[in-house]
Amino acid sequence: FRRFDQAASFGVVCSQACNAIYDQTRKLAICGALESVKAWNLRTGQLEWSLCEEGSQWAVTVVALNPANQDVLAVGYEDGSIRLWSIAGKTVLV
């Protein structure tokens, strides 16, 4: 494609191997993007937040929100590990 403009691209939006979910308000789409988890605002198309553990080399394969506490996000990785993230704190809880 000859009209491709590298300056206008913004990287991986969502990995093919990972599911995508909505938050409780249905304003954000949350998905895995290689080694990180990204939340996209569905109205504006802007990235709201991103979670990535430093030094992580495994791709995200599944994400799930805790229905009782929308601040806790469970993330499964390609190596079989699962981490619970605090969305507000951008930190790994477990």
Protein backbone atom coordinates (compact mmCIF):
# COMPACT_ATOMS: atom_id res chain seq x y z
CA PHE A 1 0.00 0.00 0.00
CA ARG A 2 1.76 3.10 -1.20
CA ARG A 3 -0.14 5.72 0.81
CA PHE A 4 0.73 4.28 4.22
CA ASP A 5 1.87 7.05 6.57
CA GLN A 6 3.95 5.79 9.52
CA ALA A 7 3.39 9.04 11.45
CA ALA A 8 -0.37 8.46 11.51
CA SER A 9 -0.19 4.93 12.98
CA PHE A 10 -0.44 4.36 16.73
CA GLY A 11 0.56 0.74 17.35
CA VAL A 12 -1.37 -2.35 18.38
CA VAL A 13 -4.96 -1.68 19.42
CA CYS A 14 -5.90 -5.25 20.34
CA SER A 15 -4.15 -8.60 19.96
CA GLN A 16 -5.90 -11.25 17.90
CA ALA A 17 -5.30 -13.92 20.55
CA CYS A 18 -7.05 -11.97 23.36
CA ASN A 19 -10.68 -11.30 24.11
CA ALA A 20 -12.15 -7.81 24.43
CA ILE A 21 -14.60 -6.75 27.15
CA TYR A 22 -16.58 -3.65 28.13
CA ASP A 23 -16.52 -1.92 31.49
CA GLN A 24 -19.76 -1.63 33.48
CA THR A 25 -20.63 1.75 31.93
CA ARG A 26 -20.00 0.44 28.39
CA LYS A 27 -17.83 3.49 27.70
CA LEU A 28 -14.53 1.56 27.62
CA ALA A 29 -13.40 -1.42 25.60
CA ILE A 30 -10.66 -3.34 27.46
CA CYS A 31 -8.38 -5.73 25.59
CA GLY A 32 -4.93 -7.25 25.53
CA ALA A 33 -2.38 -5.67 23.21
CA LEU A 34 0.72 -7.85 23.14
CA GLU A 35 2.19 -7.68 26.71
CA SER A 36 -0.13 -4.91 27.94
CA VAL A 37 -3.81 -4.33 28.63
CA LYS A 38 -5.39 -1.24 27.09
CA ALA A 39 -8.69 0.52 27.67
CA TRP A 40 -10.12 2.49 24.76
CA ASN A 41 -12.84 5.13 25.03
CA LEU A 42 -15.50 3.99 22.55
CA ARG A 43 -16.83 7.51 21.92
CA THR A 44 -13.57 9.33 21.31
CA GLY A 45 -11.33 6.46 20.19
CA GLN A 46 -8.67 7.64 22.65
CA LEU A 47 -6.57 5.42 24.89
CA GLU A 48 -7.78 5.90 28.49
CA TRP A 49 -5.21 3.76 30.31
CA SER A 50 -2.70 0.97 29.82
CA LEU A 51 -1.39 -1.69 32.22
CA CYS A 52 1.95 -3.37 31.65
CA GLU A 53 4.28 -5.07 34.08
CA GLU A 54 7.89 -4.01 33.61
CA GLY A 55 9.97 -6.76 32.05
CA SER A 56 6.94 -8.78 30.96
CA GLN A 57 7.60 -10.84 27.86
CA TRP A 58 4.39 -12.87 27.63
CA ALA A 59 1.35 -11.78 25.63
CA VAL A 60 -2.02 -11.20 27.29
CA THR A 61 -4.50 -13.95 26.32
CA VAL A 62 -7.58 -13.15 28.42
CA VAL A 63 -8.99 -10.27 30.48
CA ALA A 64 -11.94 -10.29 32.91
CA LEU A 65 -13.43 -7.65 35.21
CA ASN A 66 -14.57 -8.53 38.70
CA PRO A 67 -18.36 -7.88 38.65
CA ALA A 68 -18.37 -7.01 42.36
CA ASN A 69 -15.42 -4.59 42.16
CA GLN A 70 -14.84 -2.87 38.81
CA ASP A 71 -11.38 -1.74 39.95
CA VAL A 72 -10.02 -5.31 39.88
CA LEU A 73 -9.03 -6.77 36.52
CA ALA A 74 -7.90 -10.39 36.09
CA VAL A 75 -5.36 -10.84 33.30
CA GLY A 76 -4.17 -14.18 31.93
CA TYR A 77 -0.85 -14.47 30.12
CA GLU A 78 0.59 -16.76 27.47
CA ASP A 79 2.81 -18.54 30.02
CA GLY A 80 -0.26 -19.61 32.04
CA SER A 81 0.12 -17.05 34.82
CA ILE A 82 -2.75 -14.89 36.06
CA ARG A 83 -2.39 -11.47 37.67
CA LEU A 84 -4.98 -9.34 39.43
CA TRP A 85 -4.53 -5.65 38.65
CA SER A 86 -5.86 -2.56 40.40
CA ILE A 87 -7.02 -0.31 37.59
CA ALA A 88 -7.03 2.85 39.70
CA GLY A 89 -3.57 2.19 41.14
CA LYS A 90 -2.12 0.68 37.93
CA THR A 91 -0.45 -1.97 40.10
CA VAL A 92 -0.46 -5.75 40.38
CA LEU A 93 -2.39 -6.88 43.48
CA VAL A 94 -1.64 -10.62 43.22
